[in-house]
PDB file of N, CA and C in Angstrom:
ATOM      1  N   MET A   1     334.589 132.688 -64.925  1.00  0.00           N
ATOM      2  CA  MET A   1     335.010 131.375 -65.396  1.00  0.00           C
ATOM      3  C   MET A   1     336.511 131.248 -65.160  1.00  0.00           C
ATOM      4  N   ARG A   2     336.924 130.079 -64.755  1.00  0.00           N
ATOM      5  CA  ARG A   2     338.339 129.812 -64.502  1.00  0.00           C
ATOM      6  C   ARG A   2     338.840 128.690 -65.413  1.00  0.00           C
ATOM      7  N   CYS A   3     340.135 128.702 -65.659  1.00  0.00           N
ATOM      8  CA  CYS A   3     340.781 127.654 -66.432  1.00  0.00           C
ATOM      9  C   CYS A   3     340.720 126.354 -65.630  1.00  0.00           C
ATOM     10  N   GLY A   4     340.324 125.276 -66.268  1.00  0.00           N
ATOM     11  CA  GLY A   4     340.263 123.983 -65.605  1.00  0.00           C
ATOM     12  C   GLY A   4     341.619 123.342 -65.413  1.00  0.00           C
ATOM     13  N   VAL A   5     342.674 123.872 -66.048  1.00  0.00           N
ATOM     14  CA  VAL A   5     344.006 123.289 -65.938  1.00  0.00           C
ATOM     15  C   VAL A   5     344.840 124.002 -64.880  1.00  0.00           C
ATOM     16  N   CYS A   6     344.949 125.333 -64.982  1.00  0.00           N
ATOM     17  CA  CYS A   6     345.818 126.066 -64.058  1.00  0.00           C
ATOM     18  C   CYS A   6     345.055 126.900 -63.026  1.00  0.00           C
ATOM     19  N   GLY A   7     343.737 127.052 -63.195  1.00  0.00           N
ATOM     20  CA  GLY A   7     342.938 127.800 -62.238  1.00  0.00           C
ATOM     21  C   GLY A   7     342.902 129.302 -62.468  1.00  0.00           C
ATOM     22  N   SER A   8     343.571 129.780 -63.490  1.00  0.00           N
ATOM     23  CA  SER A   8     343.607 131.214 -63.781  1.00  0.00           C
ATOM     24  C   SER A   8     342.228 131.725 -64.194  1.00  0.00           C
ATOM     25  N   ASP A   9     341.953 132.975 -63.861  1.00  0.00           N
ATOM     26  CA  ASP A   9     340.708 133.591 -64.328  1.00  0.00           C
ATOM     27  C   ASP A   9     340.964 134.499 -65.528  1.00  0.00           C
ATOM     28  N   ARG A  10     342.149 134.416 -66.114  1.00  0.00           N
ATOM     29  CA  ARG A  10     342.522 135.240 -67.271  1.00  0.00           C
ATOM     30  C   ARG A  10     342.234 134.484 -68.569  1.00  0.00           C
ATOM     31  N   LEU A  11     340.952 134.412 -68.950  1.00  0.00           N
ATOM     32  CA  LEU A  11     340.560 133.762 -70.193  1.00  0.00           C
ATOM     33  C   LEU A  11     340.276 134.801 -71.266  1.00  0.00           C
ATOM     34  N   SER A  12     340.550 134.423 -72.487  1.00  0.00           N
ATOM     35  CA  SER A  12     340.294 135.319 -73.611  1.00  0.00           C
ATOM     36  C   SER A  12     338.797 135.436 -73.850  1.00  0.00           C
ATOM     37  N   PRO A  13     338.398 136.445 -74.617  1.00  0.00           N
ATOM     38  CA  PRO A  13     337.000 136.473 -75.074  1.00  0.00           C
ATOM     39  C   PRO A  13     336.758 135.289 -76.004  1.00  0.00           C
ATOM     40  N   VAL A  14     335.501 134.979 -76.273  1.00  0.00           N
ATOM     41  CA  VAL A  14     335.151 133.888 -77.185  1.00  0.00           C
ATOM     42  C   VAL A  14     335.531 134.292 -78.603  1.00  0.00           C
ATOM     43  N   GLY A  15     336.218 133.393 -79.302  1.00  0.00           N
ATOM     44  CA  GLY A  15     336.605 133.626 -80.687  1.00  0.00           C
ATOM     45  C   GLY A  15     336.174 132.460 -81.558  1.00  0.00           C
ATOM     46  N   GLU A  16     336.239 132.640 -82.869  1.00  0.00           N
ATOM     47  CA  GLU A  16     335.851 131.594 -83.810  1.00  0.00           C
ATOM     48  C   GLU A  16     336.943 130.529 -83.868  1.00  0.00           C
ATOM     49  N   LEU A  17     336.541 129.271 -83.857  1.00  0.00           N
ATOM     50  CA  LEU A  17     337.460 128.139 -83.908  1.00  0.00           C
ATOM     51  C   LEU A  17     337.441 127.576 -85.323  1.00  0.00           C
ATOM     52  N   THR A  18     338.536 127.726 -86.062  1.00  0.00           N
ATOM     53  CA  THR A  18     338.601 127.259 -87.452  1.00  0.00           C
ATOM     54  C   THR A  18     339.906 126.528 -87.704  1.00  0.00           C
ATOM     55  N   THR A  19     340.012 125.924 -88.875  1.00  0.00           N
ATOM     56  CA  THR A  19     341.251 125.301 -89.326  1.00  0.00           C
ATOM     57  C   THR A  19     341.774 126.102 -90.506  1.00  0.00           C
ATOM     58  N   GLU A  20     342.979 125.781 -90.939  1.00  0.00           N
ATOM     59  CA  GLU A  20     343.551 126.506 -92.076  1.00  0.00           C
ATOM     60  C   GLU A  20     343.112 125.924 -93.417  1.00  0.00           C
ATOM     61  N   ALA A  21     342.452 124.791 -93.403  1.00  0.00           N
ATOM     62  CA  ALA A  21     341.977 124.183 -94.646  1.00  0.00           C
ATOM     63  C   ALA A  21     340.864 125.042 -95.238  1.00  0.00           C
ATOM     64  N   LEU A  22     340.660 124.924 -96.529  1.00  0.00           N
ATOM     65  CA  LEU A  22     339.614 125.699 -97.195  1.00  0.00           C
ATOM     66  C   LEU A  22     338.222 125.230 -96.806  1.00  0.00           C
ATOM     67  N   ALA A  23     338.057 123.938 -96.585  1.00  0.00           N
ATOM     68  CA  ALA A  23     336.746 123.415 -96.174  1.00  0.00           C
ATOM     69  C   ALA A  23     336.509 123.767 -94.710  1.00  0.00           C
ATOM     70  N   PRO A  24     335.269 124.047 -94.352  1.00  0.00           N
ATOM     71  CA  PRO A  24     334.980 124.389 -92.961  1.00  0.00           C
ATOM     72  C   PRO A  24     335.051 123.157 -92.061  1.00  0.00           C
ATOM     73  N   ASN A  25     336.196 122.896 -91.481  1.00  0.00           N
ATOM     74  CA  ASN A  25     336.385 121.771 -90.567  1.00  0.00           C
ATOM     75  C   ASN A  25     336.276 122.282 -89.142  1.00  0.00           C
ATOM     76  N   PHE A  26     335.338 121.738 -88.392  1.00  0.00           N
ATOM     77  CA  PHE A  26     335.141 122.152 -87.013  1.00  0.00           C
ATOM     78  C   PHE A  26     335.283 120.942 -86.102  1.00  0.00           C
ATOM     79  N   LEU A  27     335.457 121.193 -84.832  1.00  0.00           N
ATOM     80  CA  LEU A  27     335.469 120.122 -83.849  1.00  0.00           C
ATOM     81  C   LEU A  27     334.049 119.616 -83.658  1.00  0.00           C
ATOM     82  N   HIS A  28     333.918 118.315 -83.554  1.00  0.00           N
ATOM     83  CA  HIS A  28     332.600 117.703 -83.344  1.00  0.00           C
ATOM     84  C   HIS A  28     332.575 117.052 -81.965  1.00  0.00           C
ATOM     85  N   PHE A  29     331.552 117.352 -81.199  1.00  0.00           N
ATOM     86  CA  PHE A  29     331.329 116.804 -79.870  1.00  0.00           C
ATOM     87  C   PHE A  29     330.322 115.671 -80.060  1.00  0.00           C
ATOM     88  N   LYS A  30     330.791 114.395 -79.960  1.00  0.00           N
ATOM     89  CA  LYS A  30     329.951 113.247 -80.299  1.00  0.00           C
ATOM     90  C   LYS A  30     329.640 112.396 -79.073  1.00  0.00           C
ATOM     91  N   PHE A  31     328.482 111.757 -79.135  1.00  0.00           N
ATOM     92  CA  PHE A  31     328.040 110.846 -78.095  1.00  0.00           C
ATOM     93  C   PHE A  31     327.782 109.483 -78.722  1.00  0.00           C
ATOM     94  N   PRO A  32     327.728 108.406 -77.918  1.00  0.00           N
ATOM     95  CA  PRO A  32     327.424 107.076 -78.470  1.00  0.00           C
ATOM     96  C   PRO A  32     326.031 107.038 -79.098  1.00  0.00           C
ATOM     97  N   ARG A  33     325.850 106.103 -80.020  1.00  0.00           N
ATOM     98  CA  ARG A  33     324.550 105.929 -80.664  1.00  0.00           C
ATOM     99  C   ARG A  33     323.503 105.554 -79.609  1.00  0.00           C
ATOM    100  N   PRO A  34     322.328 106.192 -79.649  1.00  0.00           N
ATOM    101  CA  PRO A  34     321.299 105.828 -78.677  1.00  0.00           C
ATOM    102  C   PRO A  34     320.684 104.455 -78.973  1.00  0.00           C
ATOM    103  N   LYS A  35     320.637 104.069 -80.241  1.00  0.00           N
ATOM    104  CA  LYS A  35     320.135 102.753 -80.663  1.00  0.00           C
ATOM    105  C   LYS A  35     320.975 102.302 -81.843  1.00  0.00           C
ATOM    106  N   LEU A  36     320.871 101.041 -82.191  1.00  0.00           N
ATOM    107  CA  LEU A  36     321.740 100.447 -83.194  1.00  0.00           C
ATOM    108  C   LEU A  36     321.751 101.178 -84.530  1.00  0.00           C
ATOM    109  N   PHE A  37     320.612 101.535 -85.068  1.00  0.00           N
ATOM    110  CA  PHE A  37     320.569 102.134 -86.398  1.00  0.00           C
ATOM    111  C   PHE A  37     320.297 103.641 -86.370  1.00  0.00           C
ATOM    112  N   ARG A  38     320.577 104.273 -85.288  1.00  0.00           N
ATOM    113  CA  ARG A  38     320.406 105.731 -85.191  1.00  0.00           C
ATOM    114  C   ARG A  38     321.757 106.415 -85.317  1.00  0.00           C
ATOM    115  N   ALA A  39     321.732 107.637 -85.809  1.00  0.00           N
ATOM    116  CA  ALA A  39     322.971 108.416 -85.941  1.00  0.00           C
ATOM    117  C   ALA A  39     323.489 108.830 -84.572  1.00  0.00           C
ATOM    118  N   ARG A  40     324.798 109.000 -84.478  1.00  0.00           N
ATOM    119  CA  ARG A  40     325.391 109.477 -83.233  1.00  0.00           C
ATOM    120  C   ARG A  40     325.029 110.939 -83.042  1.00  0.00           C
ATOM    121  N   PRO A  41     324.544 111.313 -81.866  1.00  0.00           N
ATOM    122  CA  PRO A  41     324.299 112.739 -81.606  1.00  0.00           C
ATOM    123  C   PRO A  41     325.630 113.499 -81.682  1.00  0.00           C
ATOM    124  N   THR A  42     325.672 114.517 -82.536  1.00  0.00           N
ATOM    125  CA  THR A  42     326.890 115.273 -82.789  1.00  0.00           C
ATOM    126  C   THR A  42     326.596 116.761 -82.735  1.00  0.00           C
ATOM    127  N   PHE A  43     327.487 117.501 -82.095  1.00  0.00           N
ATOM    128  CA  PHE A  43     327.333 118.946 -81.956  1.00  0.00           C
ATOM    129  C   PHE A  43     328.640 119.604 -82.376  1.00  0.00           C
ATOM    130  N   VAL A  44     328.551 120.661 -83.163  1.00  0.00           N
ATOM    131  CA  VAL A  44     329.737 121.335 -83.710  1.00  0.00           C
ATOM    132  C   VAL A  44     330.173 122.466 -82.782  1.00  0.00           C
ATOM    133  N   ALA A  45     331.441 122.427 -82.405  1.00  0.00           N
ATOM    134  CA  ALA A  45     332.017 123.494 -81.579  1.00  0.00           C
ATOM    135  C   ALA A  45     332.702 124.491 -82.520  1.00  0.00           C
ATOM    136  N   GLN A  46     332.090 125.644 -82.733  1.00  0.00           N
ATOM    137  CA  GLN A  46     332.619 126.631 -83.672  1.00  0.00           C
ATOM    138  C   GLN A  46     333.344 127.781 -82.973  1.00  0.00           C
ATOM    139  N   PHE A  47     333.330 127.791 -81.661  1.00  0.00           N
ATOM    140  CA  PHE A  47     333.930 128.889 -80.921  1.00  0.00           C
ATOM    141  C   PHE A  47     334.844 128.343 -79.837  1.00  0.00           C
ATOM    142  N   ALA A  48     335.711 129.191 -79.286  1.00  0.00           N
ATOM    143  CA  ALA A  48     336.614 128.750 -78.219  1.00  0.00           C
ATOM    144  C   ALA A  48     337.086 129.940 -77.392  1.00  0.00           C
ATOM    145  N   ARG A  49     337.560 129.618 -76.206  1.00  0.00           N
ATOM    146  CA  ARG A  49     338.264 130.562 -75.337  1.00  0.00           C
ATOM    147  C   ARG A  49     339.641 129.969 -75.086  1.00  0.00           C
ATOM    148  N   ALA A  50     340.606 130.798 -74.790  1.00  0.00           N
ATOM    149  CA  ALA A  50     341.945 130.323 -74.463  1.00  0.00           C
ATOM    150  C   ALA A  50     342.379 130.925 -73.134  1.00  0.00           C
ATOM    151  N   CYS A  51     343.081 130.115 -72.342  1.00  0.00           N
ATOM    152  CA  CYS A  51     343.649 130.623 -71.094  1.00  0.00           C
ATOM    153  C   CYS A  51     344.869 131.460 -71.449  1.00  0.00           C
ATOM    154  N   ARG A  52     344.926 132.670 -70.952  1.00  0.00           N
ATOM    155  CA  ARG A  52     346.038 133.560 -71.271  1.00  0.00           C
ATOM    156  C   ARG A  52     347.293 133.227 -70.468  1.00  0.00           C
ATOM    157  N   ASP A  53     347.193 132.340 -69.483  1.00  0.00           N
ATOM    158  CA  ASP A  53     348.373 131.967 -68.697  1.00  0.00           C
ATOM    159  C   ASP A  53     349.002 130.657 -69.156  1.00  0.00           C
ATOM    160  N   CYS A  54     348.202 129.615 -69.377  1.00  0.00           N
ATOM    161  CA  CYS A  54     348.791 128.325 -69.754  1.00  0.00           C
ATOM    162  C   CYS A  54     348.509 127.932 -71.203  1.00  0.00           C
ATOM    163  N   GLY A  55     347.599 128.640 -71.895  1.00  0.00           N
ATOM    164  CA  GLY A  55     347.334 128.378 -73.303  1.00  0.00           C
ATOM    165  C   GLY A  55     346.313 127.288 -73.585  1.00  0.00           C
ATOM    166  N   THR A  56     345.688 126.742 -72.569  1.00  0.00           N
ATOM    167  CA  THR A  56     344.671 125.711 -72.797  1.00  0.00           C
ATOM    168  C   THR A  56     343.501 126.291 -73.578  1.00  0.00           C
ATOM    169  N   LEU A  57     343.023 125.525 -74.544  1.00  0.00           N
ATOM    170  CA  LEU A  57     341.920 125.955 -75.400  1.00  0.00           C
ATOM    171  C   LEU A  57     340.634 125.268 -74.949  1.00  0.00           C
ATOM    172  N   PHE A  58     339.567 126.050 -74.793  1.00  0.00           N
ATOM    173  CA  PHE A  58     338.271 125.541 -74.362  1.00  0.00           C
ATOM    174  C   PHE A  58     337.255 125.743 -75.473  1.00  0.00           C
ATOM    175  N   PRO A  59     336.905 124.654 -76.222  1.00  0.00           N
ATOM    176  CA  PRO A  59     335.901 124.775 -77.277  1.00  0.00           C
ATOM    177  C   PRO A  59     334.534 125.113 -76.695  1.00  0.00           C
ATOM    178  N   CYS A  60     333.736 125.856 -77.468  1.00  0.00           N
ATOM    179  CA  CYS A  60     332.403 126.280 -77.032  1.00  0.00           C
ATOM    180  C   CYS A  60     331.403 126.008 -78.148  1.00  0.00           C
ATOM    181  N   LEU A  61     330.185 125.668 -77.750  1.00  0.00           N
ATOM    182  CA  LEU A  61     329.100 125.525 -78.707  1.00  0.00           C
ATOM    183  C   LEU A  61     328.459 126.882 -78.945  1.00  0.00           C
ATOM    184  N   GLY A  62     327.954 127.095 -80.154  1.00  0.00           N
ATOM    185  CA  GLY A  62     327.189 128.301 -80.446  1.00  0.00           C
ATOM    186  C   GLY A  62     325.789 128.171 -79.861  1.00  0.00           C
ATOM    187  N   ASP A  63     324.993 129.216 -79.967  1.00  0.00           N
ATOM    188  CA  ASP A  63     323.648 129.220 -79.393  1.00  0.00           C
ATOM    189  C   ASP A  63     322.765 128.108 -79.957  1.00  0.00           C
ATOM    190  N   TYR A  64     322.795 127.921 -81.274  1.00  0.00           N
ATOM    191  CA  TYR A  64     321.960 126.895 -81.904  1.00  0.00           C
ATOM    192  C   TYR A  64     322.369 125.496 -81.450  1.00  0.00           C
ATOM    193  N   GLU A  65     323.681 125.206 -81.475  1.00  0.00           N
ATOM    194  CA  GLU A  65     324.183 123.896 -81.065  1.00  0.00           C
ATOM    195  C   GLU A  65     323.926 123.658 -79.578  1.00  0.00           C
ATOM    196  N   ARG A  66     324.058 124.673 -78.763  1.00  0.00           N
ATOM    197  CA  ARG A  66     323.795 124.547 -77.333  1.00  0.00           C
ATOM    198  C   ARG A  66     322.335 124.198 -77.083  1.00  0.00           C
ATOM    199  N   LYS A  67     321.428 124.808 -77.860  1.00  0.00           N
ATOM    200  CA  LYS A  67     320.002 124.499 -77.720  1.00  0.00           C
ATOM    201  C   LYS A  67     319.723 123.061 -78.142  1.00  0.00           C
ATOM    202  N   LEU A  68     320.346 122.601 -79.241  1.00  0.00           N
ATOM    203  CA  LEU A  68     320.182 121.208 -79.663  1.00  0.00           C
ATOM    204  C   LEU A  68     320.661 120.249 -78.577  1.00  0.00           C
ATOM    205  N   LEU A  69     321.801 120.546 -77.979  1.00  0.00           N
ATOM    206  CA  LEU A  69     322.325 119.718 -76.898  1.00  0.00           C
ATOM    207  C   LEU A  69     321.362 119.712 -75.715  1.00  0.00           C
ATOM    208  N   ASP A  70     320.882 120.869 -75.341  1.00  0.00           N
ATOM    209  CA  ASP A  70     319.977 120.980 -74.205  1.00  0.00           C
ATOM    210  C   ASP A  70     318.688 120.201 -74.454  1.00  0.00           C
ATOM    211  N   ASP A  71     318.175 120.254 -75.676  1.00  0.00           N
ATOM    212  CA  ASP A  71     316.940 119.554 -76.014  1.00  0.00           C
ATOM    213  C   ASP A  71     317.098 118.039 -76.034  1.00  0.00           C
ATOM    214  N   SER A  72     318.318 117.534 -76.299  1.00  0.00           N
ATOM    215  CA  SER A  72     318.511 116.093 -76.434  1.00  0.00           C
ATOM    216  C   SER A  72     319.302 115.485 -75.267  1.00  0.00           C
ATOM    217  N   VAL A  73     319.606 116.240 -74.236  1.00  0.00           N
ATOM    218  CA  VAL A  73     320.489 115.757 -73.173  1.00  0.00           C
ATOM    219  C   VAL A  73     319.930 114.548 -72.433  1.00  0.00           C
ATOM    220  N   ASP A  74     318.630 114.412 -72.315  1.00  0.00           N
ATOM    221  CA  ASP A  74     318.055 113.273 -71.591  1.00  0.00           C
ATOM    222  C   ASP A  74     318.295 111.939 -72.308  1.00  0.00           C
ATOM    223  N   GLY A  75     318.461 111.959 -73.622  1.00  0.00           N
ATOM    224  CA  GLY A  75     318.681 110.724 -74.373  1.00  0.00           C
ATOM    225  C   GLY A  75     320.136 110.397 -74.607  1.00  0.00           C
ATOM    226  N   LEU A  76     321.060 111.165 -74.080  1.00  0.00           N
ATOM    227  CA  LEU A  76     322.483 110.934 -74.309  1.00  0.00           C
ATOM    228  C   LEU A  76     323.051 109.985 -73.260  1.00  0.00           C
ATOM    229  N   ALA A  77     323.981 109.149 -73.701  1.00  0.00           N
ATOM    230  CA  ALA A  77     324.617 108.199 -72.771  1.00  0.00           C
ATOM    231  C   ALA A  77     325.873 108.810 -72.190  1.00  0.00           C
TER     232      ALA A  77
END
């Protein structure tokens, strides 16, 4: 895997992505509503990699969230 910003192949291992707040605040990967009264498809990114050369952070989905995304990808806009 290479960094999408600088092209380096020096990426960190996957680590947990958290905030300093006490409540578990994670990044949410959201898509538009599929229909008017349906909830927006949302996936939580709890992990990340960082480029060791330029510092760009790449959020990652966990196994469960990745499976949910894969199962619903045909209905996403």
